[in-house]
Protein backbone atom coordinates (compact mmCIF):
# COMPACT_ATOMS: atom_id res chain seq x y z
CA MET A 1 5.74 -31.83 39.20
CA ALA A 2 7.59 -30.63 36.12
CA PRO A 3 6.54 -32.15 32.77
CA SER A 4 8.62 -35.00 31.42
CA ALA A 5 10.99 -34.57 28.50
CA PHE A 6 8.54 -36.36 26.23
CA ASP A 7 5.62 -34.19 27.39
CA SER A 8 7.67 -31.02 26.88
CA LEU A 9 8.67 -32.14 23.39
CA LEU A 10 5.04 -32.67 22.39
CA TRP A 11 3.89 -29.44 24.04
CA PHE A 12 6.49 -27.34 22.27
CA THR A 13 5.78 -29.06 18.94
CA ILE A 14 2.06 -28.26 19.23
CA THR A 15 2.77 -24.67 20.23
CA ASN A 16 5.33 -24.19 17.43
CA ILE A 17 2.78 -25.32 14.84
CA PHE A 18 0.46 -22.52 15.96
CA VAL A 19 3.34 -20.02 16.11
CA VAL A 20 4.32 -20.69 12.49
CA SER A 21 0.66 -20.72 11.42
CA PHE A 22 0.18 -17.29 13.01
CA ALA A 23 3.26 -15.93 11.25
CA LEU A 24 2.01 -17.16 7.86
CA GLY A 25 -1.50 -15.86 8.47
CA PHE A 26 -0.54 -12.44 9.80
CA LEU A 27 2.20 -11.52 7.32
CA LYS A 28 2.04 -10.02 3.87
CA LEU A 29 3.65 -12.92 2.02
CA ARG A 30 6.39 -12.52 -0.56
CA PHE A 31 5.73 -15.87 -2.24
CA LYS A 32 2.72 -18.03 -3.05
CA LEU A 33 0.93 -19.51 -0.05
CA SER A 34 2.07 -23.05 -0.93
CA THR A 35 5.72 -21.95 -1.05
CA SER A 36 5.36 -20.13 2.27
CA ILE A 37 3.73 -23.18 3.88
CA PHE A 38 6.63 -25.33 2.67
CA ALA A 39 9.13 -22.89 4.24
CA GLY A 40 7.14 -23.02 7.48
CA ALA A 41 7.12 -26.83 7.42
CA VAL A 42 10.90 -26.91 6.94
CA ALA A 43 11.32 -24.57 9.93
CA LEU A 44 9.05 -26.79 12.06
CA VAL A 45 11.05 -29.91 11.20
CA LEU A 46 14.32 -28.19 12.13
CA ILE A 47 12.86 -26.92 15.40
CA PHE A 48 11.48 -30.40 16.21
CA LEU A 49 14.92 -31.96 15.72
CA LEU A 50 16.46 -29.32 17.98
CA ASP A 51 13.72 -29.89 20.57
CA CYS A 52 14.59 -33.60 20.56
CA ILE A 53 18.17 -32.67 21.38
CA ARG A 54 17.10 -30.05 23.92
CA PHE A 55 14.65 -32.14 25.94
CA ILE A 56 16.10 -35.64 25.57
CA TYR A 57 19.87 -35.24 25.41
CA ILE A 58 20.53 -32.01 27.32
CA PRO A 59 19.75 -32.42 31.04
CA GLY A 60 18.21 -29.43 32.85
CA GLU A 61 18.28 -25.79 31.77
CA THR A 62 22.01 -25.60 31.17
CA LEU A 63 23.83 -23.12 28.94
CA ALA A 64 23.65 -25.59 26.06
CA PHE A 65 19.89 -25.95 26.63
CA ASN A 66 19.38 -22.18 26.46
CA LEU A 67 21.63 -21.84 23.40
CA VAL A 68 19.48 -24.38 21.55
CA THR A 69 16.40 -22.37 22.59
CA VAL A 70 17.94 -19.21 21.16
CA PHE A 71 18.86 -21.02 17.95
CA GLU A 72 15.24 -22.16 17.56
CA ALA A 73 14.09 -18.55 17.91
CA VAL A 74 16.57 -17.59 15.18
CA ILE A 75 15.09 -20.29 12.91
CA VAL A 76 11.57 -18.91 13.45
CA GLN A 77 12.71 -15.36 12.69
CA PHE A 78 14.65 -16.50 9.62
CA CYS A 79 11.56 -18.30 8.31
CA VAL A 80 9.50 -15.16 8.89
CA PHE A 81 12.08 -13.06 7.04
CA VAL A 82 12.11 -15.47 4.10
CA VAL A 83 8.34 -15.52 3.57
CA SER A 84 7.57 -11.91 4.55
CA LYS A 85 6.95 -9.32 1.87
CA TYR A 86 8.50 -6.72 4.16
CA ARG A 87 11.91 -7.75 5.49
CA ASP A 88 12.20 -5.21 8.27
CA GLY A 89 10.79 -4.50 11.73
CA ARG A 90 7.34 -5.64 10.59
CA ALA A 91 8.60 -9.19 10.05
CA VAL A 92 10.59 -9.23 13.30
CA PHE A 93 7.66 -7.96 15.38
CA THR A 94 5.29 -10.52 13.85
CA GLY A 95 7.70 -13.37 14.61
CA LEU A 96 8.19 -12.21 18.19
CA ILE A 97 4.52 -11.76 19.05
CA ALA A 98 3.76 -15.16 17.49
CA SER A 99 5.95 -16.74 20.17
CA ASN A 100 4.19 -14.68 22.86
CA LEU A 101 0.59 -15.08 21.84
CA PHE A 102 0.48 -18.87 22.08
CA LEU A 103 1.88 -19.11 25.59
CA PRO A 104 -1.70 -19.20 27.05
CA GLY A 105 -2.54 -22.54 25.46
CA TYR A 106 0.80 -23.98 26.54
CA VAL A 107 0.43 -22.86 30.17
CA VAL A 108 -3.29 -23.73 30.48
CA GLY A 109 -2.64 -27.15 28.97
CA LEU A 110 0.19 -27.88 31.42
CA ILE A 111 -1.97 -26.77 34.36
CA CYS A 112 -4.84 -29.00 33.20
CA GLN A 113 -2.41 -31.88 32.74
CA GLU A 114 -1.22 -31.41 36.32
CA VAL A 115 -4.74 -31.08 37.79
CA LEU A 116 -6.32 -33.89 35.76
CA SER A 117 -3.24 -36.14 35.85
CA SER A 118 -3.73 -36.82 32.15
CA PHE A 119 -1.47 -35.71 29.33
CA LEU A 120 -4.13 -36.36 26.66
CA LEU A 121 -6.76 -34.23 28.41
CA GLY A 122 -4.24 -31.48 29.08
CA ALA A 123 -3.07 -31.54 25.47
CA ALA A 124 -6.65 -31.45 24.17
CA ILE A 125 -7.49 -28.45 26.35
CA GLY A 126 -4.24 -26.73 25.34
CA VAL A 127 -4.99 -27.22 21.64
CA LEU A 128 -8.53 -25.93 22.20
CA VAL A 129 -7.15 -22.77 23.84
CA HIS A 130 -4.73 -22.35 20.91
CA LEU A 131 -7.60 -22.65 18.42
CA VAL A 132 -9.76 -20.15 20.31
CA GLU A 133 -6.82 -17.73 20.43
CA PHE A 134 -6.16 -18.11 16.72
CA PHE A 135 -9.86 -17.57 15.91
CA LEU A 136 -10.09 -14.46 18.11
CA LEU A 137 -6.91 -12.97 16.64
CA CYS A 138 -8.14 -13.57 13.09
CA LYS A 139 -11.53 -12.12 13.96
CA LEU A 140 -10.38 -9.10 15.94
CA VAL A 141 -7.08 -7.90 14.54
CA ARG A 142 -5.91 -9.77 11.42
CA ARG A 143 -7.42 -7.45 8.83
CA ASP A 144 -6.30 -4.31 10.65
CA TYR A 145 -2.85 -5.78 11.27
CA LEU A 146 -2.29 -6.68 7.61
CA SER A 147 -3.51 -3.24 6.56
CA LEU A 148 -1.22 -1.63 9.11
CA GLN A 149 1.80 -3.40 7.61
CA GLU A 150 1.06 -1.74 4.28
CA ARG A 151 0.38 1.73 5.63
CA SER A 152 3.09 2.07 8.27
CA LYS A 153 6.81 1.46 7.80
CA THR A 154 8.26 3.09 10.90
CA GLY A 155 8.05 2.37 14.61
CA TRP A 156 8.07 -1.42 14.31
CA TRP A 157 11.55 -1.91 15.78
CA SER A 158 10.59 -0.11 18.99
CA LEU A 159 7.44 -2.25 19.22
CA CYS A 160 9.67 -5.33 19.24
CA LEU A 161 10.67 -4.46 22.82
CA ILE A 162 7.15 -5.34 24.03
CA PRO A 163 7.24 -9.08 23.16
CA VAL A 164 10.87 -9.34 24.30
CA PHE A 165 10.06 -8.05 27.79
CA PHE A 166 6.89 -10.12 28.02
CA TYR A 167 8.94 -13.20 27.19
CA LEU A 168 11.50 -12.34 29.86
CA LEU A 169 8.69 -11.75 32.37
CA PHE A 170 7.14 -15.13 31.66
CA TYR A 171 10.40 -17.02 32.00
CA HIS A 172 11.10 -15.40 35.37
CA VAL A 173 7.96 -17.06 36.75
CA PRO A 174 8.89 -20.20 38.81
CA ARG A 175 8.41 -23.33 36.68
CA THR A 176 9.82 -26.09 38.86
CA ASN A 177 6.22 -26.91 39.73
CA ILE A 178 3.78 -25.60 37.16
CA MET A 179 1.11 -25.04 39.82
CA GLU A 180 3.48 -22.92 41.86
CA GLY A 181 3.56 -20.12 39.31
CA ALA A 182 0.20 -20.78 37.68
CA ALA A 183 -1.57 -17.63 38.88
CA ALA A 184 1.35 -15.34 38.02
CA SER A 185 1.78 -17.00 34.62
CA LEU A 186 -1.89 -16.70 33.70
CA LEU A 187 -2.06 -13.08 34.89
CA ALA A 188 1.02 -12.16 32.84
CA ILE A 189 -0.35 -13.95 29.79
CA VAL A 190 -3.82 -12.36 30.01
CA THR A 191 -2.17 -8.94 30.39
CA MET A 192 0.02 -9.65 27.38
CA PHE A 193 -2.86 -10.84 25.20
CA VAL A 194 -5.10 -7.88 26.07
CA THR A 195 -2.17 -5.48 25.55
CA TYR A 196 -1.51 -6.79 22.04
CA VAL A 197 -5.14 -6.71 20.97
CA VAL A 198 -5.73 -3.21 22.34
CA LEU A 199 -2.42 -1.94 20.94
CA MET A 200 -3.05 -3.34 17.46
CA ARG A 201 -6.57 -1.99 17.32
CA TYR A 202 -5.49 1.40 18.63
CA VAL A 203 -2.68 1.71 16.10
CA ALA A 204 -5.02 0.54 13.34
CA SER A 205 -7.61 3.14 14.38
CA ARG A 206 -4.97 5.88 14.32
CA ALA A 207 -3.89 4.74 10.88
CA ALA A 208 -7.53 4.78 9.78
CA GLU A 209 -7.84 8.33 11.11
CA GLY A 210 -4.80 9.24 9.04
CA ASP A 211 -6.44 7.71 5.97
CA ILE A 212 -9.62 9.67 6.65
CA ALA A 213 -7.62 12.88 6.98
CA GLN A 214 -5.81 12.09 3.73
CA ARG A 215 -9.07 11.40 1.93
CA LYS A 216 -10.53 14.61 3.35
CA ALA A 217 -7.55 16.52 1.96
CA MET A 218 -8.05 14.80 -1.41
CA LEU A 219 -11.73 15.72 -1.46
CA GLU A 220 -10.89 19.31 -0.57
CA GLY A 221 -8.44 19.35 -3.46
CA PHE A 222 -11.04 17.89 -5.81
CA SER A 223 -13.54 20.47 -4.55
CA LYS A 224 -11.09 23.23 -5.48
CA ASN A 225 -10.65 21.62 -8.90
CA LEU A 226 -14.42 21.65 -9.37
CA ASP A 227 -14.46 25.33 -8.41
CA VAL A 228 -11.81 25.99 -11.05
CA GLU A 229 -13.81 23.99 -13.59
CA ALA A 230 -16.99 25.87 -12.69
CA ALA A 231 -15.18 29.20 -13.10
CA ALA A 232 -13.77 28.05 -16.45
CA LEU A 233 -17.25 26.96 -17.56
CA GLU A 234 -18.70 30.31 -16.56
CA ASP A 235 -15.95 32.11 -18.46
CA SER A 236 -16.56 29.87 -21.47
CA GLN A 237 -20.28 30.63 -21.45
CA HIS A 238 -19.52 34.37 -21.20
CA ARG A 239 -17.13 34.21 -24.17
CA LEU A 240 -19.65 32.22 -26.23
CA ALA A 241 -22.37 34.77 -25.44
CA ILE A 242 -20.09 37.55 -26.69
CA LEU A 243 -19.21 35.49 -29.77
CA ARG A 244 -22.90 34.89 -30.56
CA HIS A 245 -23.52 38.62 -30.23
CA ASP A 246 -20.60 39.49 -32.53
CA MET A 247 -21.30 36.76 -35.06
CA ARG A 248 -23.79 38.89 -37.06
CA HIS A 249 -21.11 41.56 -37.39
CA TYR A 250 -18.63 38.97 -38.70
CA LEU A 251 -21.22 37.73 -41.20
CA SER A 252 -21.87 41.26 -42.40
CA MET A 253 -18.12 41.81 -42.86
CA ILE A 254 -17.80 38.57 -44.82
CA LYS A 255 -20.70 39.55 -47.15
CA VAL A 256 -19.05 42.85 -47.92
CA MET A 257 -15.69 41.19 -48.53
CA LEU A 258 -17.30 38.63 -50.83
CA LEU A 259 -18.72 41.43 -52.97
CA LYS A 260 -15.24 42.95 -53.15
CA ALA A 261 -13.57 39.56 -53.74
CA GLU A 262 -11.32 40.15 -50.72
CA TYR A 263 -10.74 36.45 -50.11
CA ASP A 264 -7.58 36.84 -48.05
CA GLU A 265 -9.39 39.13 -45.65
CA ILE A 266 -12.28 36.62 -45.45
CA GLN A 267 -9.84 33.87 -44.52
CA GLN A 268 -8.36 36.06 -41.79
CA VAL A 269 -11.82 36.77 -40.35
CA LEU A 270 -12.68 33.07 -40.37
CA GLU A 271 -9.41 32.27 -38.60
CA ASP A 272 -10.18 34.92 -35.97
CA VAL A 273 -13.65 33.45 -35.44
CA SER A 274 -12.22 29.94 -35.20
CA HIS A 275 -9.65 31.10 -32.67
CA SER A 276 -12.38 32.79 -30.61
CA ILE A 277 -14.43 29.59 -30.64
CA ASP A 278 -11.43 27.55 -29.51
CA LYS A 279 -10.80 29.98 -26.64
CA SER A 280 -14.46 29.93 -25.65
CA SER A 281 -14.92 26.15 -25.66
CA LEU A 282 -14.18 24.02 -22.61
CA THR A 283 -12.20 20.85 -23.29
CA MET A 284 -13.83 17.62 -22.07
CA HIS A 285 -10.96 15.28 -21.19
CA CYS A 286 -13.00 12.24 -20.08
CA GLU A 287 -16.41 11.11 -18.87
CA ASP A 288 -15.39 10.78 -15.24
CA PRO A 289 -16.21 14.05 -13.41
CA MET A 290 -13.41 13.75 -10.89
CA LEU A 291 -10.66 12.99 -13.41
CA ASN A 292 -12.03 15.61 -15.78
CA SER A 293 -11.91 18.30 -13.07
CA ILE A 294 -8.31 17.33 -12.30
CA PHE A 295 -7.31 17.62 -15.94
CA GLN A 296 -9.14 20.95 -16.24
CA ALA A 297 -7.16 22.37 -13.31
CA LEU A 298 -3.91 20.92 -14.63
CA SER A 299 -4.63 22.36 -18.09
CA LEU A 300 -4.77 25.85 -16.57
CA LYS A 301 -1.53 25.20 -14.73
CA ALA A 302 0.07 23.94 -17.95
CA ALA A 303 -1.14 27.00 -19.85
CA ASP A 304 0.37 29.30 -17.22
CA ALA A 305 3.70 27.45 -17.62
CA GLU A 306 3.36 27.56 -21.44
CA VAL A 307 3.24 23.75 -21.53
CA ASP A 308 1.07 21.94 -24.08
CA LEU A 309 -0.93 19.28 -22.19
CA GLN A 310 -2.38 16.53 -24.39
CA THR A 311 -4.73 13.94 -22.86
CA SER A 312 -6.20 10.68 -24.12
CA VAL A 313 -8.46 9.11 -21.49
CA LEU A 314 -10.43 6.14 -22.81
CA ILE A 315 -12.15 5.05 -19.60
CA SER A 316 -15.50 5.90 -18.08
CA SER A 317 -16.51 6.41 -14.45
CA ASN A 318 -17.49 2.74 -14.21
CA GLU A 319 -14.12 1.57 -15.47
CA LYS A 320 -11.65 3.48 -13.34
CA PRO A 321 -10.54 2.26 -9.88
CA THR A 322 -12.93 3.43 -7.18
CA ASP A 323 -10.14 4.39 -4.77
CA LEU A 324 -9.77 8.16 -4.38
CA SER A 325 -6.02 7.58 -4.38
CA PHE A 326 -6.17 6.78 -8.10
CA ALA A 327 -7.25 10.33 -8.94
CA ALA A 328 -4.55 11.69 -6.62
CA VAL A 329 -1.94 9.52 -8.34
CA ILE A 330 -2.96 10.83 -11.78
CA ALA A 331 -2.76 14.42 -10.53
CA ASN A 332 0.64 13.72 -9.00
CA LEU A 333 2.11 12.20 -12.18
CA VAL A 334 0.79 14.88 -14.54
CA GLU A 335 1.74 17.76 -12.24
CA ASN A 336 5.29 16.42 -11.94
CA ALA A 337 5.48 16.14 -15.72
CA ILE A 338 4.26 19.73 -16.20
CA GLU A 339 6.84 21.06 -13.73
CA ALA A 340 9.62 19.13 -15.47
CA ALA A 341 8.52 20.15 -18.99
CA SER A 342 8.35 23.82 -17.98
CA GLU A 343 12.14 23.80 -17.55
CA ASN A 344 12.64 23.05 -21.26
CA GLU A 345 13.12 25.61 -23.98
CA PRO A 346 9.93 27.13 -25.48
CA GLY A 347 8.66 24.88 -28.25
CA ASN A 348 9.75 21.77 -26.39
CA ARG A 349 7.28 21.99 -23.56
CA CYS A 350 4.66 19.29 -23.86
CA VAL A 351 3.09 16.59 -21.71
CA GLU A 352 1.09 13.59 -22.90
CA ALA A 353 -1.17 11.71 -20.49
CA ARG A 354 -2.77 8.49 -21.72
CA ILE A 355 -5.14 6.22 -19.78
CA ARG A 356 -6.71 3.18 -21.39
CA PRO A 357 -7.36 -0.55 -20.87
CA ILE A 358 -4.98 -2.83 -22.78
CA LYS A 359 -4.94 -6.66 -22.62
CA GLY A 360 -6.69 -6.99 -19.31
CA GLN A 361 -4.74 -4.15 -17.68
CA LEU A 362 -5.40 -0.48 -17.11
CA ILE A 363 -2.34 1.42 -18.28
CA VAL A 364 -1.53 4.99 -17.30
CA GLU A 365 1.34 6.58 -19.20
CA VAL A 366 2.61 10.13 -18.73
CA THR A 367 5.48 11.36 -20.92
CA ASN A 368 7.31 14.65 -21.28
CA PRO A 369 10.61 15.83 -22.76
CA PHE A 370 13.24 16.46 -20.12
CA SER A 371 16.75 17.51 -21.10
CA GLY A 372 18.18 17.48 -17.58
CA GLU A 373 19.84 14.60 -15.79
CA VAL A 374 17.63 12.03 -14.06
CA ARG A 375 19.41 9.98 -11.40
CA PHE A 376 17.78 6.67 -10.58
CA GLY A 377 18.19 5.05 -7.16
CA SER A 378 18.86 1.40 -6.39
CA ASP A 379 15.09 0.78 -6.35
CA GLY A 380 14.80 1.85 -10.01
CA TYR A 381 12.99 5.12 -9.25
CA PRO A 382 14.22 8.69 -9.71
CA GLN A 383 15.88 10.24 -6.71
CA SER A 384 14.37 13.47 -5.50
CA GLY A 385 16.65 16.43 -5.23
CA LYS A 386 18.66 18.69 -7.52
CA GLY A 387 17.71 18.43 -11.16
CA ASP A 388 15.18 15.65 -10.56
CA GLN A 389 11.66 16.95 -10.77
CA HIS A 390 10.18 13.47 -10.87
CA GLY A 391 11.44 12.25 -7.54
CA PHE A 392 8.81 14.09 -5.51
CA GLY A 393 5.69 12.09 -4.74
CA LEU A 394 6.60 9.07 -6.85
CA GLN A 395 6.94 7.00 -3.70
CA SER A 396 3.21 7.38 -3.09
CA VAL A 397 2.54 6.23 -6.66
CA LYS A 398 4.73 3.17 -6.05
CA GLU A 399 2.86 2.35 -2.83
CA PHE A 400 -0.50 2.73 -4.60
CA ALA A 401 0.67 0.31 -7.30
CA LEU A 402 1.75 -2.25 -4.69
CA ARG A 403 -1.50 -1.84 -2.77
CA SER A 404 -3.48 -2.37 -5.99
CA ASN A 405 -1.45 -5.42 -7.09
CA GLY A 406 -0.16 -3.39 -10.01
CA ALA A 407 3.23 -2.20 -11.24
CA PHE A 408 4.91 1.16 -11.64
CA ASP A 409 8.10 2.05 -13.46
CA CYS A 410 9.93 5.06 -14.88
CA GLU A 411 12.41 5.51 -17.71
CA HIS A 412 14.39 8.34 -19.23
CA ASP A 413 15.39 7.60 -22.81
CA GLY A 414 16.31 9.95 -25.66
CA GLY A 415 15.45 13.05 -23.64
CA VAL A 416 11.92 11.78 -22.89
CA PHE A 417 10.82 10.84 -19.40
CA THR A 418 8.03 8.26 -19.08
CA ALA A 419 6.13 7.26 -15.95
CA ARG A 420 4.04 4.12 -16.48
CA LEU A 421 1.46 2.67 -14.11
CA LEU A 422 -0.13 -0.73 -14.75
CA LEU A 423 -3.21 -1.81 -12.78
CA PRO A 424 -5.46 -4.88 -12.97
CA LEU A 425 -8.74 -4.16 -14.70
CA ARG A 426 -11.91 -4.40 -12.68
CA PRO A 427 -14.01 -7.44 -13.73
CA THR A 428 -16.58 -5.26 -15.54
CA LEU A 429 -14.02 -3.56 -17.74
CA THR A 430 -13.78 -4.20 -21.45
CA GLU A 431 -11.14 -3.07 -23.85
CA PRO A 432 -11.99 -0.58 -26.57
CA ALA A 433 -12.48 -1.99 -30.04
């Protein structure tokens, strides 16, 4: 026996509540949670009104009945688009699988209602199945799924075909008598549920492997920087040893010049000694070993390009973000600035890199003169290509800022290009006096 119009209305209302709840819980939200919940409530009210029309006033599964069904699906997708941080295939896929994943509770509840001849018992069992599903999804895949939305932008539209075909498969199962297609419905639903869980976890594991490979590449790069720093330290020690050996000769020369009152020559000797000391000393850019090794390597690159690199890093190892990506972002910004500054005329080749906590934020600012044209895209960031040395790699900086709940912007004013990254301070950080 098919469920009555009233039973169907209540069943679909219960299921829709879980569908919208899944969408809100498994999306990166654009707005505050309260605003998103309000949008979801508005969508549920609209769908409920349409369900009243569909089940009470439209007899049978006519064309009008199916059109109302399609319109309800559009409302769900529109709600998902409104609240989603990413308005692309990620939002569409999440909305589609939400409609799929809560079919088990609906079908099991209807079967129990038929077997037990009780709507209340069937509804209670259906809600219980919905709750178990929601718990398992949150436990097994929610964290990986949210992380996957951040790390992967492509491939989502093709994934949307999976829930579409599952939905078509389910609605081709006979439903005149719910018991008639019970076995086929349950088998299709179990297959669907297992497919989604396995697929999400597989994709998440592949993304994690990609992250591991990226971190491995970063560590290899940092290892090379440490090798460069070690070589520079060894060279510095060698130069200082030579300077110590020659110092007695310089002192003897100065004594002789003092007796002869050759003060200009003494000044020249002192300048030569000072220059030798400067060449022999190794600049310490900051306390953090990883950042310091990066700046050491970049200093050598800047020297080769005849670019003057000035650094001001007022954070310690305990203050900087622990993510390896932070060090990669700093290297990316400074390297881009060095490449851009190297195109200027000699005497106008300089890069300033400043990192310090200010008013509860960690600010990273890299500036360099750039006389060329910088074309900004619609997103406010430089476009990579001809004449734009800052376009390369800035997308990764932008993504790091978003992932860290920070902000990143660029400006080109008065022949000076500035890249500015703002990150929330870790709780233990304190601003310098």
